[in-house]
Amino acid sequence: MESSFVLYLGRHTLETALLVAAPILITCMIVGVVVTLLQAVTSIRDMTLTIVPKLLAVGVVMLVFGGWSLGIVLRFTNEIFGHVQNVGH
């Protein structure tokens, strides 16, 4: 196995992981900023106020983007298994 191929697989793995995790991470970041601003304006310091909206938003994002993420992971898995099959020959 060549070093360039190993670097390609590593890069492709990281890109796929970032692509799958991006919708959830961006949602958590946006909801966190909005809740923090709301807490700063109202002076409410309750921990459940930060966790519950994030959990609800992540649940909605997972429902919306779940099929898309699964398609990306399945495509990546098929590609990796194709490479493993070629290494054996």
PDB file of N, CA and C in Angstrom:
ATOM      1  N   MET A   1       0.844  -1.162   0.000  1.00  0.00           N
ATOM      2  CA  MET A   1       0.000   0.000   0.000  1.00  0.00           C
ATOM      3  C   MET A   1       0.894   1.231   0.000  1.00  0.00           C
ATOM      4  N   GLU A   2       0.648   2.133  -0.894  1.00  0.00           N
ATOM      5  CA  GLU A   2       1.477   3.324  -1.033  1.00  0.00           C
ATOM      6  C   GLU A   2       1.101   4.366   0.015  1.00  0.00           C
ATOM      7  N   SER A   3       2.077   5.206   0.323  1.00  0.00           N
ATOM      8  CA  SER A   3       1.824   6.238   1.333  1.00  0.00           C
ATOM      9  C   SER A   3       0.818   7.273   0.832  1.00  0.00           C
ATOM     10  N   SER A   4       0.809   7.555  -0.460  1.00  0.00           N
ATOM     11  CA  SER A   4      -0.154   8.517  -0.994  1.00  0.00           C
ATOM     12  C   SER A   4      -1.584   7.988  -0.863  1.00  0.00           C
ATOM     13  N   PHE A   5      -1.756   6.674  -1.009  1.00  0.00           N
ATOM     14  CA  PHE A   5      -3.079   6.077  -0.857  1.00  0.00           C
ATOM     15  C   PHE A   5      -3.544   6.142   0.595  1.00  0.00           C
ATOM     16  N   VAL A   6      -2.622   5.917   1.523  1.00  0.00           N
ATOM     17  CA  VAL A   6      -2.966   6.008   2.944  1.00  0.00           C
ATOM     18  C   VAL A   6      -3.345   7.446   3.293  1.00  0.00           C
ATOM     19  N   LEU A   7      -2.618   8.411   2.765  1.00  0.00           N
ATOM     20  CA  LEU A   7      -2.958   9.815   3.004  1.00  0.00           C
ATOM     21  C   LEU A   7      -4.316  10.158   2.396  1.00  0.00           C
ATOM     22  N   TYR A   8      -4.606   9.617   1.212  1.00  0.00           N
ATOM     23  CA  TYR A   8      -5.907   9.843   0.594  1.00  0.00           C
ATOM     24  C   TYR A   8      -7.024   9.280   1.467  1.00  0.00           C
ATOM     25  N   LEU A   9      -6.839   8.061   1.984  1.00  0.00           N
ATOM     26  CA  LEU A   9      -7.864   7.455   2.837  1.00  0.00           C
ATOM     27  C   LEU A   9      -8.060   8.247   4.128  1.00  0.00           C
ATOM     28  N   GLY A  10      -6.978   8.703   4.725  1.00  0.00           N
ATOM     29  CA  GLY A  10      -7.086   9.502   5.941  1.00  0.00           C
ATOM     30  C   GLY A  10      -7.813  10.808   5.701  1.00  0.00           C
ATOM     31  N   ARG A  11      -7.460  11.471   4.608  1.00  0.00           N
ATOM     32  CA  ARG A  11      -8.114  12.742   4.289  1.00  0.00           C
ATOM     33  C   ARG A  11      -9.587  12.532   3.972  1.00  0.00           C
ATOM     34  N   HIS A  12      -9.885  11.498   3.201  1.00  0.00           N
ATOM     35  CA  HIS A  12     -11.273  11.216   2.838  1.00  0.00           C
ATOM     36  C   HIS A  12     -12.102  10.854   4.074  1.00  0.00           C
ATOM     37  N   THR A  13     -11.501  10.141   5.020  1.00  0.00           N
ATOM     38  CA  THR A  13     -12.184   9.789   6.264  1.00  0.00           C
ATOM     39  C   THR A  13     -12.510  11.039   7.078  1.00  0.00           C
ATOM     40  N   LEU A  14     -11.544  11.933   7.220  1.00  0.00           N
ATOM     41  CA  LEU A  14     -11.772  13.163   7.975  1.00  0.00           C
ATOM     42  C   LEU A  14     -12.811  14.058   7.297  1.00  0.00           C
ATOM     43  N   GLU A  15     -12.761  14.153   5.970  1.00  0.00           N
ATOM     44  CA  GLU A  15     -13.746  14.958   5.246  1.00  0.00           C
ATOM     45  C   GLU A  15     -15.151  14.394   5.427  1.00  0.00           C
ATOM     46  N   THR A  16     -15.267  13.076   5.367  1.00  0.00           N
ATOM     47  CA  THR A  16     -16.576  12.448   5.535  1.00  0.00           C
ATOM     48  C   THR A  16     -17.104  12.674   6.940  1.00  0.00           C
ATOM     49  N   ALA A  17     -16.245  12.523   7.939  1.00  0.00           N
ATOM     50  CA  ALA A  17     -16.670  12.739   9.324  1.00  0.00           C
ATOM     51  C   ALA A  17     -17.111  14.181   9.550  1.00  0.00           C
ATOM     52  N   LEU A  18     -16.384  15.129   8.987  1.00  0.00           N
ATOM     53  CA  LEU A  18     -16.746  16.532   9.119  1.00  0.00           C
ATOM     54  C   LEU A  18     -18.056  16.828   8.410  1.00  0.00           C
ATOM     55  N   LEU A  19     -18.242  16.255   7.242  1.00  0.00           N
ATOM     56  CA  LEU A  19     -19.465  16.482   6.477  1.00  0.00           C
ATOM     57  C   LEU A  19     -20.683  15.921   7.203  1.00  0.00           C
ATOM     58  N   VAL A  20     -20.537  14.762   7.828  1.00  0.00           N
ATOM     59  CA  VAL A  20     -21.661  14.149   8.537  1.00  0.00           C
ATOM     60  C   VAL A  20     -21.962  14.910   9.836  1.00  0.00           C
ATOM     61  N   ALA A  21     -20.930  15.380  10.520  1.00  0.00           N
ATOM     62  CA  ALA A  21     -21.121  16.048  11.809  1.00  0.00           C
ATOM     63  C   ALA A  21     -21.466  17.527  11.682  1.00  0.00           C
ATOM     64  N   ALA A  22     -21.235  18.133  10.531  1.00  0.00           N
ATOM     65  CA  ALA A  22     -21.408  19.576  10.374  1.00  0.00           C
ATOM     66  C   ALA A  22     -22.818  20.072  10.699  1.00  0.00           C
ATOM     67  N   PRO A  23     -23.887  19.455  10.208  1.00  0.00           N
ATOM     68  CA  PRO A  23     -25.217  19.998  10.536  1.00  0.00           C
ATOM     69  C   PRO A  23     -25.505  20.032  12.034  1.00  0.00           C
ATOM     70  N   ILE A  24     -25.097  18.999  12.750  1.00  0.00           N
ATOM     71  CA  ILE A  24     -25.355  18.950  14.189  1.00  0.00           C
ATOM     72  C   ILE A  24     -24.490  19.975  14.925  1.00  0.00           C
ATOM     73  N   LEU A  25     -23.223  20.077  14.541  1.00  0.00           N
ATOM     74  CA  LEU A  25     -22.330  21.026  15.211  1.00  0.00           C
ATOM     75  C   LEU A  25     -22.755  22.470  14.973  1.00  0.00           C
ATOM     76  N   ILE A  26     -23.141  22.779  13.746  1.00  0.00           N
ATOM     77  CA  ILE A  26     -23.577  24.141  13.428  1.00  0.00           C
ATOM     78  C   ILE A  26     -24.859  24.473  14.180  1.00  0.00           C
ATOM     79  N   THR A  27     -25.776  23.513  14.248  1.00  0.00           N
ATOM     80  CA  THR A  27     -27.023  23.732  14.984  1.00  0.00           C
ATOM     81  C   THR A  27     -26.760  23.988  16.461  1.00  0.00           C
ATOM     82  N   CYS A  28     -25.892  23.181  17.066  1.00  0.00           N
ATOM     83  CA  CYS A  28     -25.554  23.377  18.480  1.00  0.00           C
ATOM     84  C   CYS A  28     -24.923  24.743  18.714  1.00  0.00           C
ATOM     85  N   MET A  29     -24.078  25.157  17.798  1.00  0.00           N
ATOM     86  CA  MET A  29     -23.422  26.451  17.945  1.00  0.00           C
ATOM     87  C   MET A  29     -24.436  27.591  17.860  1.00  0.00           C
ATOM     88  N   ILE A  30     -25.322  27.535  16.880  1.00  0.00           N
ATOM     89  CA  ILE A  30     -26.305  28.606  16.700  1.00  0.00           C
ATOM     90  C   ILE A  30     -27.270  28.657  17.881  1.00  0.00           C
ATOM     91  N   VAL A  31     -27.785  27.500  18.295  1.00  0.00           N
ATOM     92  CA  VAL A  31     -28.716  27.467  19.429  1.00  0.00           C
ATOM     93  C   VAL A  31     -28.012  27.922  20.702  1.00  0.00           C
ATOM     94  N   GLY A  32     -26.763  27.536  20.889  1.00  0.00           N
ATOM     95  CA  GLY A  32     -26.013  27.962  22.063  1.00  0.00           C
ATOM     96  C   GLY A  32     -25.833  29.467  22.124  1.00  0.00           C
ATOM     97  N   VAL A  33     -25.525  30.090  20.992  1.00  0.00           N
ATOM     98  CA  VAL A  33     -25.356  31.545  20.959  1.00  0.00           C
ATOM     99  C   VAL A  33     -26.679  32.246  21.244  1.00  0.00           C
ATOM    100  N   VAL A  34     -27.764  31.749  20.657  1.00  0.00           N
ATOM    101  CA  VAL A  34     -29.074  32.373  20.874  1.00  0.00           C
ATOM    102  C   VAL A  34     -29.491  32.253  22.339  1.00  0.00           C
ATOM    103  N   VAL A  35     -29.307  31.077  22.930  1.00  0.00           N
ATOM    104  CA  VAL A  35     -29.686  30.883  24.336  1.00  0.00           C
ATOM    105  C   VAL A  35     -28.804  31.722  25.249  1.00  0.00           C
ATOM    106  N   THR A  36     -27.525  31.830  24.932  1.00  0.00           N
ATOM    107  CA  THR A  36     -26.633  32.654  25.740  1.00  0.00           C
ATOM    108  C   THR A  36     -27.030  34.124  25.677  1.00  0.00           C
ATOM    109  N   LEU A  37     -27.394  34.586  24.493  1.00  0.00           N
ATOM    110  CA  LEU A  37     -27.866  35.971  24.374  1.00  0.00           C
ATOM    111  C   LEU A  37     -29.158  36.167  25.158  1.00  0.00           C
ATOM    112  N   LEU A  38     -30.056  35.200  25.075  1.00  0.00           N
ATOM    113  CA  LEU A  38     -31.304  35.281  25.830  1.00  0.00           C
ATOM    114  C   LEU A  38     -31.038  35.302  27.330  1.00  0.00           C
ATOM    115  N   GLN A  39     -30.092  34.492  27.789  1.00  0.00           N
ATOM    116  CA  GLN A  39     -29.753  34.480  29.209  1.00  0.00           C
ATOM    117  C   GLN A  39     -29.094  35.786  29.646  1.00  0.00           C
ATOM    118  N   ALA A  40     -28.292  36.368  28.765  1.00  0.00           N
ATOM    119  CA  ALA A  40     -27.636  37.632  29.111  1.00  0.00           C
ATOM    120  C   ALA A  40     -28.658  38.766  29.205  1.00  0.00           C
ATOM    121  N   VAL A  41     -29.658  38.728  28.335  1.00  0.00           N
ATOM    122  CA  VAL A  41     -30.669  39.781  28.337  1.00  0.00           C
ATOM    123  C   VAL A  41     -31.593  39.649  29.543  1.00  0.00           C
ATOM    124  N   THR A  42     -31.972  38.421  29.884  1.00  0.00           N
ATOM    125  CA  THR A  42     -32.952  38.220  30.949  1.00  0.00           C
ATOM    126  C   THR A  42     -32.334  37.908  32.299  1.00  0.00           C
ATOM    127  N   SER A  43     -31.032  37.715  32.365  1.00  0.00           N
ATOM    128  CA  SER A  43     -30.312  37.379  33.605  1.00  0.00           C
ATOM    129  C   SER A  43     -30.783  36.066  34.219  1.00  0.00           C
ATOM    130  N   ILE A  44     -31.220  35.130  33.395  1.00  0.00           N
ATOM    131  CA  ILE A  44     -31.614  33.808  33.862  1.00  0.00           C
ATOM    132  C   ILE A  44     -30.395  32.894  33.722  1.00  0.00           C
ATOM    133  N   ARG A  45     -30.026  32.213  34.796  1.00  0.00           N
ATOM    134  CA  ARG A  45     -28.863  31.324  34.776  1.00  0.00           C
ATOM    135  C   ARG A  45     -29.285  29.902  35.118  1.00  0.00           C
ATOM    136  N   ASP A  46     -30.104  29.313  34.315  1.00  0.00           N
ATOM    137  CA  ASP A  46     -30.577  27.951  34.546  1.00  0.00           C
ATOM    138  C   ASP A  46     -29.920  27.020  33.531  1.00  0.00           C
ATOM    139  N   MET A  47     -29.327  25.923  34.010  1.00  0.00           N
ATOM    140  CA  MET A  47     -28.627  24.998  33.123  1.00  0.00           C
ATOM    141  C   MET A  47     -29.579  24.272  32.171  1.00  0.00           C
ATOM    142  N   THR A  48     -30.807  24.009  32.622  1.00  0.00           N
ATOM    143  CA  THR A  48     -31.741  23.316  31.729  1.00  0.00           C
ATOM    144  C   THR A  48     -32.128  24.194  30.565  1.00  0.00           C
ATOM    145  N   LEU A  49     -32.031  25.499  30.740  1.00  0.00           N
ATOM    146  CA  LEU A  49     -32.347  26.402  29.635  1.00  0.00           C
ATOM    147  C   LEU A  49     -31.324  26.293  28.515  1.00  0.00           C
ATOM    148  N   THR A  50     -30.113  25.844  28.806  1.00  0.00           N
ATOM    149  CA  THR A  50     -29.114  25.683  27.753  1.00  0.00           C
ATOM    150  C   THR A  50     -29.163  24.293  27.129  1.00  0.00           C
ATOM    151  N   ILE A  51     -29.519  23.278  27.910  1.00  0.00           N
ATOM    152  CA  ILE A  51     -29.456  21.905  27.410  1.00  0.00           C
ATOM    153  C   ILE A  51     -30.694  21.515  26.612  1.00  0.00           C
ATOM    154  N   VAL A  52     -31.861  21.851  27.112  1.00  0.00           N
ATOM    155  CA  VAL A  52     -33.106  21.404  26.476  1.00  0.00           C
ATOM    156  C   VAL A  52     -33.261  21.941  25.056  1.00  0.00           C
ATOM    157  N   PRO A  53     -33.041  23.228  24.788  1.00  0.00           N
ATOM    158  CA  PRO A  53     -33.166  23.688  23.398  1.00  0.00           C
ATOM    159  C   PRO A  53     -32.153  23.024  22.458  1.00  0.00           C
ATOM    160  N   LYS A  54     -30.946  22.777  22.956  1.00  0.00           N
ATOM    161  CA  LYS A  54     -29.951  22.108  22.117  1.00  0.00           C
ATOM    162  C   LYS A  54     -30.381  20.686  21.793  1.00  0.00           C
ATOM    163  N   LEU A  55     -30.899  19.962  22.783  1.00  0.00           N
ATOM    164  CA  LEU A  55     -31.360  18.595  22.537  1.00  0.00           C
ATOM    165  C   LEU A  55     -32.509  18.567  21.542  1.00  0.00           C
ATOM    166  N   LEU A  56     -33.446  19.482  21.684  1.00  0.00           N
ATOM    167  CA  LEU A  56     -34.569  19.538  20.746  1.00  0.00           C
ATOM    168  C   LEU A  56     -34.098  19.886  19.333  1.00  0.00           C
ATOM    169  N   ALA A  57     -33.204  20.860  19.234  1.00  0.00           N
ATOM    170  CA  ALA A  57     -32.705  21.267  17.918  1.00  0.00           C
ATOM    171  C   ALA A  57     -31.902  20.148  17.263  1.00  0.00           C
ATOM    172  N   VAL A  58     -31.079  19.459  18.038  1.00  0.00           N
ATOM    173  CA  VAL A  58     -30.294  18.348  17.484  1.00  0.00           C
ATOM    174  C   VAL A  58     -31.210  17.219  17.041  1.00  0.00           C
ATOM    175  N   GLY A  59     -32.266  16.951  17.800  1.00  0.00           N
ATOM    176  CA  GLY A  59     -33.231  15.933  17.394  1.00  0.00           C
ATOM    177  C   GLY A  59     -33.895  16.263  16.069  1.00  0.00           C
ATOM    178  N   VAL A  60     -34.286  17.514  15.892  1.00  0.00           N
ATOM    179  CA  VAL A  60     -34.914  17.937  14.636  1.00  0.00           C
ATOM    180  C   VAL A  60     -33.923  17.842  13.480  1.00  0.00           C
ATOM    181  N   VAL A  61     -32.689  18.285  13.719  1.00  0.00           N
ATOM    182  CA  VAL A  61     -31.673  18.238  12.663  1.00  0.00           C
ATOM    183  C   VAL A  61     -31.362  16.792  12.279  1.00  0.00           C
ATOM    184  N   MET A  62     -31.339  15.898  13.269  1.00  0.00           N
ATOM    185  CA  MET A  62     -31.085  14.488  12.959  1.00  0.00           C
ATOM    186  C   MET A  62     -32.232  13.884  12.154  1.00  0.00           C
ATOM    187  N   LEU A  63     -33.449  14.300  12.437  1.00  0.00           N
ATOM    188  CA  LEU A  63     -34.587  13.823  11.640  1.00  0.00           C
ATOM    189  C   LEU A  63     -34.523  14.349  10.210  1.00  0.00           C
ATOM    190  N   VAL A  64     -34.130  15.603  10.068  1.00  0.00           N
ATOM    191  CA  VAL A  64     -34.099  16.221   8.738  1.00  0.00           C
ATOM    192  C   VAL A  64     -32.919  15.707   7.915  1.00  0.00           C
ATOM    193  N   PHE A  65     -31.734  15.651   8.513  1.00  0.00           N
ATOM    194  CA  PHE A  65     -30.528  15.299   7.775  1.00  0.00           C
ATOM    195  C   PHE A  65     -30.094  13.847   7.951  1.00  0.00           C
ATOM    196  N   GLY A  66     -30.894  13.037   8.632  1.00  0.00           N
ATOM    197  CA  GLY A  66     -30.510  11.654   8.898  1.00  0.00           C
ATOM    198  C   GLY A  66     -30.323  10.823   7.645  1.00  0.00           C
ATOM    199  N   GLY A  67     -31.246  10.911   6.712  1.00  0.00           N
ATOM    200  CA  GLY A  67     -31.137  10.145   5.472  1.00  0.00           C
ATOM    201  C   GLY A  67     -29.941  10.564   4.639  1.00  0.00           C
ATOM    202  N   TRP A  68     -29.709  11.859   4.585  1.00  0.00           N
ATOM    203  CA  TRP A  68     -28.569  12.385   3.832  1.00  0.00           C
ATOM    204  C   TRP A  68     -27.255  11.902   4.453  1.00  0.00           C
ATOM    205  N   SER A  69     -27.160  11.980   5.784  1.00  0.00           N
ATOM    206  CA  SER A  69     -25.948  11.522   6.467  1.00  0.00           C
ATOM    207  C   SER A  69     -25.736  10.028   6.272  1.00  0.00           C
ATOM    208  N   LEU A  70     -26.810   9.261   6.352  1.00  0.00           N
ATOM    209  CA  LEU A  70     -26.700   7.821   6.151  1.00  0.00           C
ATOM    210  C   LEU A  70     -26.223   7.501   4.747  1.00  0.00           C
ATOM    211  N   GLY A  71     -26.699   8.237   3.755  1.00  0.00           N
ATOM    212  CA  GLY A  71     -26.243   8.030   2.380  1.00  0.00           C
ATOM    213  C   GLY A  71     -24.756   8.292   2.224  1.00  0.00           C
ATOM    214  N   ILE A  72     -24.275   9.348   2.861  1.00  0.00           N
ATOM    215  CA  ILE A  72     -22.843   9.668   2.780  1.00  0.00           C
ATOM    216  C   ILE A  72     -22.010   8.583   3.455  1.00  0.00           C
ATOM    217  N   VAL A  73     -22.444   8.126   4.617  1.00  0.00           N
ATOM    218  CA  VAL A  73     -21.695   7.089   5.337  1.00  0.00           C
ATOM    219  C   VAL A  73     -21.721   5.775   4.563  1.00  0.00           C
ATOM    220  N   LEU A  74     -22.851   5.425   3.975  1.00  0.00           N
ATOM    221  CA  LEU A  74     -22.923   4.190   3.180  1.00  0.00           C
ATOM    222  C   LEU A  74     -22.038   4.262   1.943  1.00  0.00           C
ATOM    223  N   ARG A  75     -22.013   5.411   1.274  1.00  0.00           N
ATOM    224  CA  ARG A  75     -21.147   5.587   0.106  1.00  0.00           C
ATOM    225  C   ARG A  75     -19.679   5.460   0.502  1.00  0.00           C
ATOM    226  N   PHE A  76     -19.319   6.067   1.632  1.00  0.00           N
ATOM    227  CA  PHE A  76     -17.949   5.979   2.123  1.00  0.00           C
ATOM    228  C   PHE A  76     -17.588   4.532   2.469  1.00  0.00           C
ATOM    229  N   THR A  77     -18.504   3.833   3.136  1.00  0.00           N
ATOM    230  CA  THR A  77     -18.253   2.448   3.521  1.00  0.00           C
ATOM    231  C   THR A  77     -18.074   1.555   2.300  1.00  0.00           C
ATOM    232  N   ASN A  78     -18.921   1.732   1.300  1.00  0.00           N
ATOM    233  CA  ASN A  78     -18.785   0.952   0.064  1.00  0.00           C
ATOM    234  C   ASN A  78     -17.451   1.222  -0.615  1.00  0.00           C
ATOM    235  N   GLU A  79     -17.027   2.477  -0.608  1.00  0.00           N
ATOM    236  CA  GLU A  79     -15.738   2.815  -1.222  1.00  0.00           C
ATOM    237  C   GLU A  79     -14.583   2.162  -0.456  1.00  0.00           C
ATOM    238  N   ILE A  80     -14.637   2.210   0.868  1.00  0.00           N
ATOM    239  CA  ILE A  80     -13.570   1.603   1.681  1.00  0.00           C
ATOM    240  C   ILE A  80     -13.525   0.097   1.462  1.00  0.00           C
ATOM    241  N   PHE A  81     -14.691  -0.572   1.452  1.00  0.00           N
ATOM    242  CA  PHE A  81     -14.711  -2.012   1.219  1.00  0.00           C
ATOM    243  C   PHE A  81     -14.236  -2.356  -0.182  1.00  0.00           C
ATOM    244  N   GLY A  82     -14.490  -1.477  -1.146  1.00  0.00           N
ATOM    245  CA  GLY A  82     -13.957  -1.684  -2.499  1.00  0.00           C
ATOM    246  C   GLY A  82     -12.444  -1.629  -2.510  1.00  0.00           C
ATOM    247  N   HIS A  83     -11.879  -0.704  -1.743  1.00  0.00           N
ATOM    248  CA  HIS A  83     -10.419  -0.608  -1.649  1.00  0.00           C
ATOM    249  C   HIS A  83      -9.832  -1.822  -0.933  1.00  0.00           C
ATOM    250  N   VAL A  84     -10.515  -2.299   0.103  1.00  0.00           N
ATOM    251  CA  VAL A  84     -10.040  -3.479   0.829  1.00  0.00           C
ATOM    252  C   VAL A  84     -10.060  -4.693  -0.089  1.00  0.00           C
ATOM    253  N   GLN A  85     -11.065  -4.802  -0.912  1.00  0.00           N
ATOM    254  CA  GLN A  85     -11.146  -5.923  -1.850  1.00  0.00           C
ATOM    255  C   GLN A  85     -10.005  -5.863  -2.870  1.00  0.00           C
ATOM    256  N   ASN A  86      -9.649  -4.664  -3.308  1.00  0.00           N
ATOM    257  CA  ASN A  86      -8.560  -4.517  -4.279  1.00  0.00           C
ATOM    258  C   ASN A  86      -7.204  -4.792  -3.653  1.00  0.00           C
ATOM    259  N   VAL A  87      -7.050  -4.543  -2.370  1.00  0.00           N
ATOM    260  CA  VAL A  87      -5.756  -4.774  -1.706  1.00  0.00           C
ATOM    261  C   VAL A  87      -5.462  -6.273  -1.651  1.00  0.00           C
ATOM    262  N   GLY A  88      -6.490  -7.094  -1.522  1.00  0.00           N
ATOM    263  CA  GLY A  88      -6.294  -8.535  -1.422  1.00  0.00           C
ATOM    264  C   GLY A  88      -5.803  -9.175  -2.716  1.00  0.00           C
ATOM    265  N   HIS A  89      -6.007  -8.512  -3.847  1.00  0.00           N
ATOM    266  CA  HIS A  89      -5.593  -9.115  -5.134  1.00  0.00           C
ATOM    267  C   HIS A  89      -4.183  -8.789  -5.482  1.00  0.00           C
TER     268      HIS A  89
END
